[in-house]
Amino acid sequence: GRRAAMADRLRAATGLKIWSLGKFFRVGAGIATGYFLVEACEELSLWLTCRDLVTKAANANEELKQAISPAGDSKNTTTATHSISAGQYWDSSLRTTHQGNVLHCTIPVHGEAGSSDVNIKLVKAKNSLLSGYDWWPRGYYCPGENLLYNHLGSGEWKVLVHYAVIGGAGALPKHFNLLEQPKQSGKE
C-alpha cells in the first residue's frame, strides 16, 4: 500500500527505477558469489603452479631425497630412492604481494621416511595482461588477474627463493637450497 505508492511517486518524479530490497540482495549475492569463485579458481591455479615447481625441485635434489625418502636397505631389493610427493592444498600456505606480482607459497612434501616444508617465492617473468594499458590504474590489482596471466598470458614465473627445511628432535633445522643445480660428479 503506502510504501508502493511512495515508490511510484518517487519513480514518477525522478524517472529512476527503484529495486526492491529482495532484488537488491539477490544481485549483490550474485556478484559476491562470482567474485569468490574467481578468487578460489585463481588461488587453485597459483597453488598448482607452485606444487609442480616444488615437486620437480624436491625430486631433483638428491640430498633432500636421501633425508626424507632414502634408498632401500640391504633387506629390500629396491635400491633407488622413492619419489617425493607434495602435500595437500589445505596444508599449504599461499599469498601474493606487490599487487599480485610476487607469490609466496609453503607446501609440505612427503617421502617414505619423513616430510619437509618447502618454501618458494615466485615473481612474474613478464608483465601481467593489465599492466600495459593507460586506462588501468597503476598499482591496482584486479581479482582474477593471475588466473588470466596463468591461462591466457605467458604464465611464466621466475623463482626467487626455493628451499626445504627438515626439523630434527633436539637439533637445529636443516635447510636444503633447491635453487642449486645438482652436482655433476667427474665433470669439469
N, C-alpha and C. Protein backbone atom coordinates (compact mmCIF):
# COMPACT_ATOMS: atom_id res chain seq x y z
N GLY A 1 0.75 -1.18 0.00
CA GLY A 1 0.00 0.00 0.00
C GLY A 1 0.81 1.26 0.00
N ARG A 2 1.08 1.72 1.19
CA ARG A 2 1.66 3.05 1.35
C ARG A 2 3.09 3.11 0.78
N ARG A 3 3.86 2.08 1.02
CA ARG A 3 5.22 2.03 0.50
C ARG A 3 5.24 2.02 -1.03
N ALA A 4 4.38 1.21 -1.62
CA ALA A 4 4.32 1.12 -3.08
C ALA A 4 3.91 2.46 -3.67
N ALA A 5 2.97 3.16 -3.02
CA ALA A 5 2.54 4.47 -3.53
C ALA A 5 3.70 5.46 -3.46
N MET A 6 4.47 5.43 -2.37
CA MET A 6 5.60 6.34 -2.24
C MET A 6 6.65 6.03 -3.29
N ALA A 7 6.90 4.74 -3.57
CA ALA A 7 7.86 4.35 -4.59
C ALA A 7 7.38 4.79 -5.97
N ASP A 8 6.06 4.68 -6.24
CA ASP A 8 5.53 5.14 -7.52
C ASP A 8 5.70 6.64 -7.70
N ARG A 9 5.44 7.44 -6.65
CA ARG A 9 5.62 8.89 -6.73
C ARG A 9 7.08 9.25 -6.97
N LEU A 10 8.01 8.58 -6.27
CA LEU A 10 9.42 8.85 -6.44
C LEU A 10 9.88 8.48 -7.84
N ARG A 11 9.39 7.36 -8.35
CA ARG A 11 9.73 6.91 -9.68
C ARG A 11 9.23 7.90 -10.73
N ALA A 12 8.02 8.39 -10.54
CA ALA A 12 7.43 9.34 -11.49
C ALA A 12 8.17 10.67 -11.44
N ALA A 13 8.60 11.10 -10.26
CA ALA A 13 9.27 12.39 -10.12
C ALA A 13 10.69 12.37 -10.65
N THR A 14 11.41 11.28 -10.45
CA THR A 14 12.83 11.25 -10.82
C THR A 14 13.10 10.47 -12.10
N GLY A 15 12.21 9.61 -12.49
CA GLY A 15 12.43 8.78 -13.66
C GLY A 15 13.32 7.58 -13.37
N LEU A 16 13.68 7.37 -12.10
CA LEU A 16 14.52 6.25 -11.73
C LEU A 16 13.69 5.04 -11.38
N LYS A 17 14.21 3.89 -11.70
CA LYS A 17 13.54 2.66 -11.32
C LYS A 17 14.17 2.19 -10.01
N ILE A 18 13.38 1.99 -9.01
CA ILE A 18 13.87 1.58 -7.70
C ILE A 18 13.70 0.07 -7.56
N TRP A 19 14.79 -0.57 -7.17
CA TRP A 19 14.75 -2.01 -6.97
C TRP A 19 14.14 -2.34 -5.63
N SER A 20 13.50 -3.47 -5.61
CA SER A 20 13.01 -3.94 -4.31
C SER A 20 14.21 -4.42 -3.49
N LEU A 21 14.02 -4.51 -2.20
CA LEU A 21 15.10 -4.94 -1.33
C LEU A 21 15.54 -6.37 -1.66
N GLY A 22 14.59 -7.23 -1.99
CA GLY A 22 14.91 -8.61 -2.35
C GLY A 22 15.76 -8.69 -3.60
N LYS A 23 15.42 -7.89 -4.62
CA LYS A 23 16.20 -7.90 -5.86
C LYS A 23 17.60 -7.35 -5.61
N PHE A 24 17.69 -6.31 -4.78
CA PHE A 24 18.99 -5.73 -4.45
C PHE A 24 19.91 -6.78 -3.82
N PHE A 25 19.39 -7.57 -2.88
CA PHE A 25 20.21 -8.59 -2.22
C PHE A 25 20.53 -9.76 -3.14
N ARG A 26 19.62 -10.13 -4.04
CA ARG A 26 19.90 -11.21 -4.99
C ARG A 26 21.02 -10.82 -5.94
N VAL A 27 20.99 -9.59 -6.44
CA VAL A 27 22.06 -9.12 -7.33
C VAL A 27 23.38 -9.04 -6.56
N GLY A 28 23.34 -8.53 -5.35
CA GLY A 28 24.55 -8.46 -4.53
C GLY A 28 25.12 -9.83 -4.23
N ALA A 29 24.26 -10.78 -3.92
CA ALA A 29 24.72 -12.15 -3.65
C ALA A 29 25.32 -12.78 -4.91
N GLY A 30 24.76 -12.48 -6.07
CA GLY A 30 25.30 -13.00 -7.33
C GLY A 30 26.68 -12.44 -7.61
N ILE A 31 26.86 -11.14 -7.38
CA ILE A 31 28.17 -10.51 -7.60
C ILE A 31 29.19 -11.07 -6.61
N ALA A 32 28.82 -11.20 -5.35
CA ALA A 32 29.74 -11.74 -4.34
C ALA A 32 30.12 -13.18 -4.65
N THR A 33 29.17 -13.99 -5.10
CA THR A 33 29.45 -15.37 -5.45
C THR A 33 30.43 -15.44 -6.61
N GLY A 34 30.22 -14.61 -7.62
CA GLY A 34 31.13 -14.56 -8.77
C GLY A 34 32.54 -14.15 -8.35
N TYR A 35 32.64 -13.16 -7.48
CA TYR A 35 33.94 -12.69 -7.00
C TYR A 35 34.68 -13.81 -6.27
N PHE A 36 34.00 -14.49 -5.35
CA PHE A 36 34.66 -15.55 -4.58
C PHE A 36 34.99 -16.76 -5.45
N LEU A 37 34.21 -17.02 -6.48
CA LEU A 37 34.52 -18.11 -7.40
C LEU A 37 35.79 -17.81 -8.18
N VAL A 38 35.93 -16.57 -8.66
CA VAL A 38 37.14 -16.17 -9.37
C VAL A 38 38.35 -16.25 -8.44
N GLU A 39 38.22 -15.77 -7.21
CA GLU A 39 39.32 -15.81 -6.25
C GLU A 39 39.74 -17.26 -5.94
N ALA A 40 38.78 -18.15 -5.78
CA ALA A 40 39.09 -19.55 -5.48
C ALA A 40 39.80 -20.22 -6.66
N CYS A 41 39.33 -19.97 -7.87
CA CYS A 41 39.97 -20.54 -9.07
C CYS A 41 41.39 -19.99 -9.23
N GLU A 42 41.56 -18.70 -8.96
CA GLU A 42 42.89 -18.09 -9.06
C GLU A 42 43.85 -18.72 -8.04
N GLU A 43 43.39 -18.88 -6.81
CA GLU A 43 44.24 -19.47 -5.77
C GLU A 43 44.62 -20.90 -6.12
N LEU A 44 43.68 -21.67 -6.63
CA LEU A 44 43.97 -23.05 -7.01
C LEU A 44 44.98 -23.08 -8.16
N SER A 45 44.83 -22.20 -9.13
CA SER A 45 45.75 -22.13 -10.26
C SER A 45 47.16 -21.78 -9.79
N LEU A 46 47.29 -20.83 -8.86
CA LEU A 46 48.60 -20.46 -8.33
C LEU A 46 49.21 -21.60 -7.52
N TRP A 47 48.39 -22.30 -6.73
CA TRP A 47 48.89 -23.41 -5.94
C TRP A 47 49.38 -24.54 -6.84
N LEU A 48 48.67 -24.83 -7.91
CA LEU A 48 49.10 -25.88 -8.83
C LEU A 48 50.43 -25.52 -9.49
N THR A 49 50.63 -24.24 -9.80
CA THR A 49 51.90 -23.78 -10.36
C THR A 49 53.02 -24.03 -9.36
N CYS A 50 52.79 -23.65 -8.10
CA CYS A 50 53.80 -23.86 -7.06
C CYS A 50 54.05 -25.35 -6.82
N ARG A 51 53.01 -26.13 -6.75
CA ARG A 51 53.14 -27.57 -6.48
C ARG A 51 54.00 -28.26 -7.53
N ASP A 52 53.78 -27.90 -8.80
CA ASP A 52 54.57 -28.52 -9.87
C ASP A 52 56.05 -28.18 -9.74
N LEU A 53 56.35 -26.91 -9.44
CA LEU A 53 57.75 -26.49 -9.28
C LEU A 53 58.38 -27.15 -8.06
N VAL A 54 57.65 -27.22 -6.96
CA VAL A 54 58.16 -27.81 -5.72
C VAL A 54 58.43 -29.30 -5.91
N THR A 55 57.52 -30.02 -6.50
CA THR A 55 57.69 -31.46 -6.70
C THR A 55 58.88 -31.75 -7.59
N LYS A 56 59.02 -31.00 -8.66
CA LYS A 56 60.13 -31.20 -9.58
C LYS A 56 61.47 -30.92 -8.89
N ALA A 57 61.56 -29.80 -8.16
CA ALA A 57 62.82 -29.44 -7.49
C ALA A 57 63.14 -30.40 -6.34
N ALA A 58 62.15 -30.82 -5.59
CA ALA A 58 62.40 -31.74 -4.46
C ALA A 58 62.90 -33.09 -4.96
N ASN A 59 62.36 -33.57 -6.05
CA ASN A 59 62.80 -34.85 -6.59
C ASN A 59 64.15 -34.74 -7.29
N ALA A 60 64.56 -33.54 -7.70
CA ALA A 60 65.86 -33.35 -8.35
C ALA A 60 66.98 -33.19 -7.33
N ASN A 61 66.67 -32.89 -6.08
CA ASN A 61 67.68 -32.67 -5.06
C ASN A 61 67.96 -33.99 -4.34
N GLU A 62 69.13 -34.58 -4.64
CA GLU A 62 69.47 -35.90 -4.09
C GLU A 62 69.63 -35.87 -2.57
N GLU A 63 70.17 -34.79 -2.04
CA GLU A 63 70.38 -34.70 -0.59
C GLU A 63 69.03 -34.70 0.16
N LEU A 64 68.05 -33.99 -0.35
CA LEU A 64 66.72 -33.98 0.26
C LEU A 64 66.06 -35.35 0.11
N LYS A 65 66.22 -35.96 -1.06
CA LYS A 65 65.63 -37.29 -1.26
C LYS A 65 66.21 -38.30 -0.29
N GLN A 66 67.52 -38.23 -0.04
CA GLN A 66 68.14 -39.16 0.91
C GLN A 66 67.65 -38.91 2.33
N ALA A 67 67.32 -37.66 2.65
CA ALA A 67 66.89 -37.34 4.01
C ALA A 67 65.47 -37.79 4.30
N ILE A 68 64.54 -37.65 3.34
CA ILE A 68 63.15 -38.00 3.64
C ILE A 68 62.61 -39.17 2.84
N SER A 69 63.37 -39.64 1.87
CA SER A 69 62.93 -40.80 1.08
C SER A 69 64.15 -41.63 0.70
N PRO A 70 64.81 -42.25 1.69
CA PRO A 70 66.08 -42.94 1.43
C PRO A 70 65.91 -44.18 0.56
N ALA A 71 67.04 -44.63 0.03
CA ALA A 71 67.06 -45.84 -0.80
C ALA A 71 66.76 -47.05 0.08
N GLY A 72 66.37 -48.12 -0.56
CA GLY A 72 66.06 -49.35 0.16
C GLY A 72 67.27 -49.88 0.91
N ASP A 73 67.04 -50.62 1.99
CA ASP A 73 68.14 -51.18 2.77
C ASP A 73 68.57 -52.53 2.17
N SER A 74 69.47 -53.20 2.88
CA SER A 74 70.01 -54.45 2.34
C SER A 74 68.94 -55.55 2.28
N LYS A 75 67.92 -55.49 3.11
CA LYS A 75 66.85 -56.49 3.09
C LYS A 75 65.92 -56.28 1.90
N ASN A 76 65.83 -55.03 1.47
CA ASN A 76 64.94 -54.68 0.38
C ASN A 76 65.73 -54.70 -0.92
N THR A 77 65.15 -55.23 -1.97
CA THR A 77 65.84 -55.30 -3.24
C THR A 77 65.78 -53.97 -4.00
N THR A 78 64.98 -53.06 -3.55
CA THR A 78 64.88 -51.77 -4.22
C THR A 78 66.08 -50.92 -3.83
N THR A 79 66.83 -50.41 -4.79
CA THR A 79 67.99 -49.59 -4.49
C THR A 79 67.76 -48.12 -4.83
N ALA A 80 66.80 -47.83 -5.62
CA ALA A 80 66.53 -46.44 -5.99
C ALA A 80 65.72 -45.75 -4.90
N THR A 81 65.91 -44.44 -4.77
CA THR A 81 65.12 -43.70 -3.79
C THR A 81 63.69 -43.60 -4.28
N HIS A 82 62.81 -43.47 -3.34
CA HIS A 82 61.40 -43.29 -3.67
C HIS A 82 61.18 -41.84 -4.06
N SER A 83 60.11 -41.57 -4.74
CA SER A 83 59.85 -40.19 -5.13
C SER A 83 59.22 -39.42 -3.97
N ILE A 84 59.40 -38.12 -4.04
CA ILE A 84 58.84 -37.22 -3.05
C ILE A 84 57.56 -36.64 -3.64
N SER A 85 56.50 -36.61 -2.84
CA SER A 85 55.23 -36.08 -3.33
C SER A 85 54.81 -34.86 -2.51
N ALA A 86 54.10 -33.96 -3.15
CA ALA A 86 53.62 -32.75 -2.48
C ALA A 86 52.41 -33.07 -1.61
N GLY A 87 52.27 -32.30 -0.54
CA GLY A 87 51.14 -32.47 0.37
C GLY A 87 49.86 -31.88 -0.20
N GLN A 88 48.84 -31.86 0.61
CA GLN A 88 47.52 -31.40 0.18
C GLN A 88 47.42 -29.87 0.14
N TYR A 89 46.47 -29.40 -0.60
CA TYR A 89 46.21 -27.97 -0.75
C TYR A 89 45.91 -27.31 0.60
N TRP A 90 45.11 -27.96 1.42
CA TRP A 90 44.68 -27.35 2.68
C TRP A 90 45.79 -27.32 3.73
N ASP A 91 46.89 -28.02 3.49
CA ASP A 91 48.03 -27.96 4.39
C ASP A 91 49.06 -26.92 3.94
N SER A 92 48.81 -26.29 2.83
CA SER A 92 49.75 -25.34 2.25
C SER A 92 49.40 -23.92 2.64
N SER A 93 50.34 -23.03 2.40
CA SER A 93 50.14 -21.61 2.65
C SER A 93 50.45 -20.86 1.36
N LEU A 94 49.59 -19.92 0.99
CA LEU A 94 49.75 -19.19 -0.26
C LEU A 94 49.34 -17.75 -0.06
N ARG A 95 50.17 -16.82 -0.56
CA ARG A 95 49.78 -15.41 -0.53
C ARG A 95 50.50 -14.68 -1.65
N THR A 96 49.91 -13.58 -2.07
CA THR A 96 50.54 -12.74 -3.09
C THR A 96 50.83 -11.38 -2.47
N THR A 97 51.89 -10.74 -2.96
CA THR A 97 52.25 -9.40 -2.53
C THR A 97 52.61 -8.58 -3.76
N HIS A 98 52.87 -7.31 -3.55
CA HIS A 98 53.27 -6.39 -4.63
C HIS A 98 52.25 -6.39 -5.76
N GLN A 99 51.00 -6.12 -5.42
CA GLN A 99 49.89 -6.06 -6.36
C GLN A 99 49.74 -7.35 -7.17
N GLY A 100 49.98 -8.49 -6.52
CA GLY A 100 49.80 -9.79 -7.17
C GLY A 100 50.95 -10.22 -8.04
N ASN A 101 52.09 -9.51 -8.02
CA ASN A 101 53.23 -9.86 -8.87
C ASN A 101 54.21 -10.81 -8.21
N VAL A 102 54.15 -10.96 -6.89
CA VAL A 102 55.05 -11.86 -6.17
C VAL A 102 54.18 -12.89 -5.42
N LEU A 103 54.56 -14.13 -5.54
CA LEU A 103 53.80 -15.24 -4.96
C LEU A 103 54.66 -15.96 -3.94
N HIS A 104 54.16 -16.11 -2.71
CA HIS A 104 54.84 -16.83 -1.63
C HIS A 104 54.03 -18.08 -1.34
N CYS A 105 54.71 -19.22 -1.28
CA CYS A 105 53.99 -20.47 -1.04
C CYS A 105 54.83 -21.41 -0.17
N THR A 106 54.19 -22.06 0.77
CA THR A 106 54.81 -23.11 1.57
C THR A 106 53.98 -24.37 1.37
N ILE A 107 54.63 -25.43 0.92
CA ILE A 107 53.95 -26.69 0.63
C ILE A 107 54.67 -27.81 1.36
N PRO A 108 53.96 -28.65 2.10
CA PRO A 108 54.63 -29.81 2.70
C PRO A 108 54.90 -30.88 1.63
N VAL A 109 56.05 -31.53 1.74
CA VAL A 109 56.36 -32.66 0.85
C VAL A 109 56.61 -33.88 1.73
N HIS A 110 56.31 -35.05 1.19
CA HIS A 110 56.40 -36.29 1.96
C HIS A 110 57.22 -37.32 1.19
N GLY A 111 58.05 -38.02 1.94
CA GLY A 111 58.80 -39.15 1.41
C GLY A 111 58.48 -40.38 2.23
N GLU A 112 59.19 -41.45 1.98
CA GLU A 112 58.95 -42.70 2.71
C GLU A 112 59.35 -42.59 4.18
N ALA A 113 60.39 -41.79 4.49
CA ALA A 113 60.92 -41.76 5.86
C ALA A 113 60.68 -40.44 6.58
N GLY A 114 60.03 -39.50 5.96
CA GLY A 114 59.82 -38.22 6.63
C GLY A 114 59.13 -37.21 5.75
N SER A 115 59.11 -35.98 6.25
CA SER A 115 58.47 -34.91 5.49
C SER A 115 59.24 -33.62 5.70
N SER A 116 58.91 -32.64 4.90
CA SER A 116 59.59 -31.35 4.95
C SER A 116 58.62 -30.28 4.47
N ASP A 117 58.88 -29.06 4.88
CA ASP A 117 58.16 -27.91 4.33
C ASP A 117 59.04 -27.27 3.28
N VAL A 118 58.49 -27.03 2.11
CA VAL A 118 59.24 -26.38 1.04
C VAL A 118 58.66 -24.99 0.85
N ASN A 119 59.54 -24.00 0.91
CA ASN A 119 59.14 -22.61 0.69
C ASN A 119 59.61 -22.18 -0.68
N ILE A 120 58.74 -21.48 -1.39
CA ILE A 120 59.08 -20.99 -2.71
C ILE A 120 58.51 -19.58 -2.86
N LYS A 121 59.30 -18.72 -3.47
CA LYS A 121 58.84 -17.36 -3.76
C LYS A 121 59.05 -17.13 -5.25
N LEU A 122 57.98 -16.76 -5.93
CA LEU A 122 58.00 -16.56 -7.38
C LEU A 122 57.64 -15.12 -7.73
N VAL A 123 58.16 -14.65 -8.85
CA VAL A 123 57.80 -13.34 -9.38
C VAL A 123 57.42 -13.53 -10.84
N LYS A 124 56.47 -12.74 -11.30
CA LYS A 124 56.05 -12.86 -12.70
C LYS A 124 57.22 -12.57 -13.62
N ALA A 125 57.42 -13.43 -14.62
CA ALA A 125 58.51 -13.27 -15.56
C ALA A 125 58.23 -12.12 -16.53
N LYS A 126 56.98 -11.90 -16.81
CA LYS A 126 56.58 -10.82 -17.73
C LYS A 126 55.48 -10.03 -17.06
N ASN A 127 55.22 -8.86 -17.60
CA ASN A 127 54.13 -8.03 -17.05
C ASN A 127 52.80 -8.74 -17.21
N SER A 128 51.88 -8.41 -16.34
CA SER A 128 50.55 -9.00 -16.43
C SER A 128 49.80 -8.41 -17.62
N LEU A 129 48.66 -8.98 -17.90
CA LEU A 129 47.87 -8.55 -19.05
C LEU A 129 47.37 -7.12 -18.91
N LEU A 130 47.13 -6.66 -17.68
CA LEU A 130 46.52 -5.35 -17.48
C LEU A 130 47.53 -4.24 -17.24
N SER A 131 48.82 -4.56 -17.05
CA SER A 131 49.77 -3.53 -16.63
C SER A 131 50.18 -2.58 -17.75
N GLY A 132 50.02 -2.94 -18.99
CA GLY A 132 50.48 -2.08 -20.09
C GLY A 132 49.44 -1.10 -20.60
N TYR A 133 48.27 -1.04 -20.00
CA TYR A 133 47.21 -0.19 -20.51
C TYR A 133 47.13 1.11 -19.71
N ASP A 134 46.92 2.20 -20.40
CA ASP A 134 46.83 3.51 -19.75
C ASP A 134 45.55 3.63 -18.93
N TRP A 135 44.49 2.96 -19.33
CA TRP A 135 43.22 3.09 -18.63
C TRP A 135 43.21 2.32 -17.32
N TRP A 136 44.16 1.40 -17.12
CA TRP A 136 44.18 0.61 -15.89
C TRP A 136 44.96 1.36 -14.82
N PRO A 137 44.38 1.58 -13.63
CA PRO A 137 45.07 2.33 -12.58
C PRO A 137 46.38 1.66 -12.15
N ARG A 138 47.44 2.42 -12.06
CA ARG A 138 48.75 1.90 -11.67
C ARG A 138 48.71 1.44 -10.20
N GLY A 139 49.26 0.28 -9.95
CA GLY A 139 49.33 -0.23 -8.59
C GLY A 139 48.06 -0.91 -8.11
N TYR A 140 47.06 -1.05 -8.97
CA TYR A 140 45.81 -1.69 -8.56
C TYR A 140 45.82 -3.13 -9.04
N TYR A 141 45.45 -4.04 -8.17
CA TYR A 141 45.39 -5.46 -8.50
C TYR A 141 43.95 -5.85 -8.77
N CYS A 142 43.70 -6.43 -9.91
CA CYS A 142 42.36 -6.87 -10.29
C CYS A 142 42.15 -8.32 -9.84
N PRO A 143 41.04 -8.63 -9.16
CA PRO A 143 40.78 -10.02 -8.80
C PRO A 143 40.74 -10.89 -10.06
N GLY A 144 41.44 -11.99 -10.02
CA GLY A 144 41.49 -12.89 -11.16
C GLY A 144 42.59 -12.57 -12.15
N GLU A 145 43.39 -11.54 -11.88
CA GLU A 145 44.45 -11.16 -12.82
C GLU A 145 45.47 -12.27 -13.00
N ASN A 146 45.87 -12.94 -11.91
CA ASN A 146 46.83 -14.03 -12.01
C ASN A 146 46.23 -15.26 -12.67
N LEU A 147 44.93 -15.43 -12.56
CA LEU A 147 44.26 -16.52 -13.26
C LEU A 147 44.36 -16.29 -14.77
N LEU A 148 44.13 -15.06 -15.20
CA LEU A 148 44.29 -14.71 -16.62
C LEU A 148 45.74 -14.85 -17.05
N TYR A 149 46.67 -14.42 -16.20
CA TYR A 149 48.10 -14.50 -16.51
C TYR A 149 48.53 -15.95 -16.70
N ASN A 150 48.06 -16.85 -15.84
CA ASN A 150 48.46 -18.25 -15.93
C ASN A 150 47.86 -18.97 -17.13
N HIS A 151 46.63 -18.60 -17.51
CA HIS A 151 45.94 -19.38 -18.55
C HIS A 151 45.84 -18.69 -19.90
N LEU A 152 45.80 -17.37 -19.93
CA LEU A 152 45.71 -16.66 -21.21
C LEU A 152 47.01 -15.93 -21.54
N GLY A 153 47.78 -15.59 -20.52
CA GLY A 153 49.05 -14.92 -20.72
C GLY A 153 50.18 -15.93 -20.81
N SER A 154 51.39 -15.47 -20.53
CA SER A 154 52.55 -16.36 -20.63
C SER A 154 52.58 -17.39 -19.50
N GLY A 155 52.12 -17.02 -18.32
CA GLY A 155 52.11 -17.94 -17.19
C GLY A 155 53.49 -18.29 -16.67
N GLU A 156 54.51 -17.51 -17.05
CA GLU A 156 55.88 -17.79 -16.62
C GLU A 156 56.18 -17.07 -15.31
N TRP A 157 56.74 -17.82 -14.36
CA TRP A 157 57.13 -17.28 -13.06
C TRP A 157 58.60 -17.58 -12.86
N LYS A 158 59.37 -16.59 -12.37
CA LYS A 158 60.78 -16.78 -12.04
C LYS A 158 60.89 -17.11 -10.55
N VAL A 159 61.73 -18.08 -10.23
CA VAL A 159 61.92 -18.49 -8.84
C VAL A 159 62.95 -17.56 -8.20
N LEU A 160 62.56 -16.92 -7.09
CA LEU A 160 63.46 -16.05 -6.34
C LEU A 160 64.10 -16.81 -5.18
N VAL A 161 63.28 -17.52 -4.42
CA VAL A 161 63.73 -18.27 -3.24
C VAL A 161 63.09 -19.64 -3.30
N HIS A 162 63.88 -20.68 -3.01
CA HIS A 162 63.33 -22.03 -3.06
C HIS A 162 64.16 -22.92 -2.13
N TYR A 163 63.61 -23.29 -0.99
CA TYR A 163 64.35 -24.12 -0.06
C TYR A 163 63.40 -25.02 0.72
N ALA A 164 63.98 -26.10 1.25
CA ALA A 164 63.24 -27.05 2.10
C ALA A 164 63.86 -27.02 3.48
N VAL A 165 63.04 -27.30 4.49
CA VAL A 165 63.50 -27.32 5.88
C VAL A 165 63.04 -28.62 6.52
N ILE A 166 64.00 -29.31 7.17
CA ILE A 166 63.67 -30.51 7.93
C ILE A 166 64.08 -30.25 9.37
N GLY A 167 63.14 -30.40 10.28
CA GLY A 167 63.42 -30.22 11.70
C GLY A 167 63.75 -31.55 12.33
N GLY A 168 64.70 -31.54 13.24
CA GLY A 168 65.08 -32.77 13.95
C GLY A 168 64.75 -32.62 15.43
N ALA A 169 64.50 -33.72 16.09
CA ALA A 169 64.21 -33.68 17.52
C ALA A 169 65.46 -33.24 18.27
N GLY A 170 65.40 -32.09 18.91
CA GLY A 170 66.52 -31.57 19.67
C GLY A 170 67.66 -31.03 18.84
N ALA A 171 67.49 -30.94 17.55
CA ALA A 171 68.55 -30.45 16.68
C ALA A 171 68.07 -29.22 15.93
N LEU A 172 69.02 -28.50 15.39
CA LEU A 172 68.66 -27.35 14.57
C LEU A 172 68.05 -27.83 13.25
N PRO A 173 67.12 -27.07 12.71
CA PRO A 173 66.54 -27.47 11.42
C PRO A 173 67.61 -27.47 10.32
N LYS A 174 67.49 -28.38 9.39
CA LYS A 174 68.42 -28.46 8.28
C LYS A 174 67.76 -27.87 7.04
N HIS A 175 68.47 -26.97 6.37
CA HIS A 175 67.96 -26.30 5.18
C HIS A 175 68.58 -26.92 3.93
N PHE A 176 67.75 -27.07 2.91
CA PHE A 176 68.20 -27.57 1.61
C PHE A 176 67.86 -26.52 0.57
N ASN A 177 68.88 -25.99 -0.10
CA ASN A 177 68.65 -24.99 -1.15
C ASN A 177 68.24 -25.72 -2.42
N LEU A 178 67.01 -25.51 -2.87
CA LEU A 178 66.52 -26.20 -4.05
C LEU A 178 66.79 -25.43 -5.33
N LEU A 179 67.42 -24.25 -5.21
CA LEU A 179 67.81 -23.49 -6.41
C LEU A 179 69.11 -23.99 -6.99
N GLU A 180 69.95 -24.63 -6.16
CA GLU A 180 71.23 -25.12 -6.64
C GLU A 180 71.01 -26.26 -7.61
N GLN A 181 71.83 -26.28 -8.65
CA GLN A 181 71.77 -27.34 -9.62
C GLN A 181 72.42 -28.59 -9.03
N PRO A 182 71.96 -29.77 -9.40
CA PRO A 182 72.60 -31.00 -8.90
C PRO A 182 74.07 -31.02 -9.29
N LYS A 183 74.92 -31.49 -8.37
CA LYS A 183 76.35 -31.55 -8.62
C LYS A 183 76.67 -32.67 -9.61
N GLN A 184 77.48 -32.33 -10.61
CA GLN A 184 77.91 -33.30 -11.61
C GLN A 184 79.22 -33.92 -11.14
N SER A 185 79.24 -35.19 -10.87
CA SER A 185 80.47 -35.83 -10.41
C SER A 185 81.34 -36.23 -11.61
N GLY A 186 82.63 -35.89 -11.51
CA GLY A 186 83.58 -36.30 -12.54
C GLY A 186 83.60 -35.39 -13.75
N LYS A 187 82.83 -34.35 -13.82
CA LYS A 187 82.81 -33.45 -14.98
C LYS A 187 83.29 -32.08 -14.54
N GLU A 188 84.09 -31.46 -15.33
CA GLU A 188 84.59 -30.12 -15.03
C GLU A 188 84.15 -29.17 -16.11
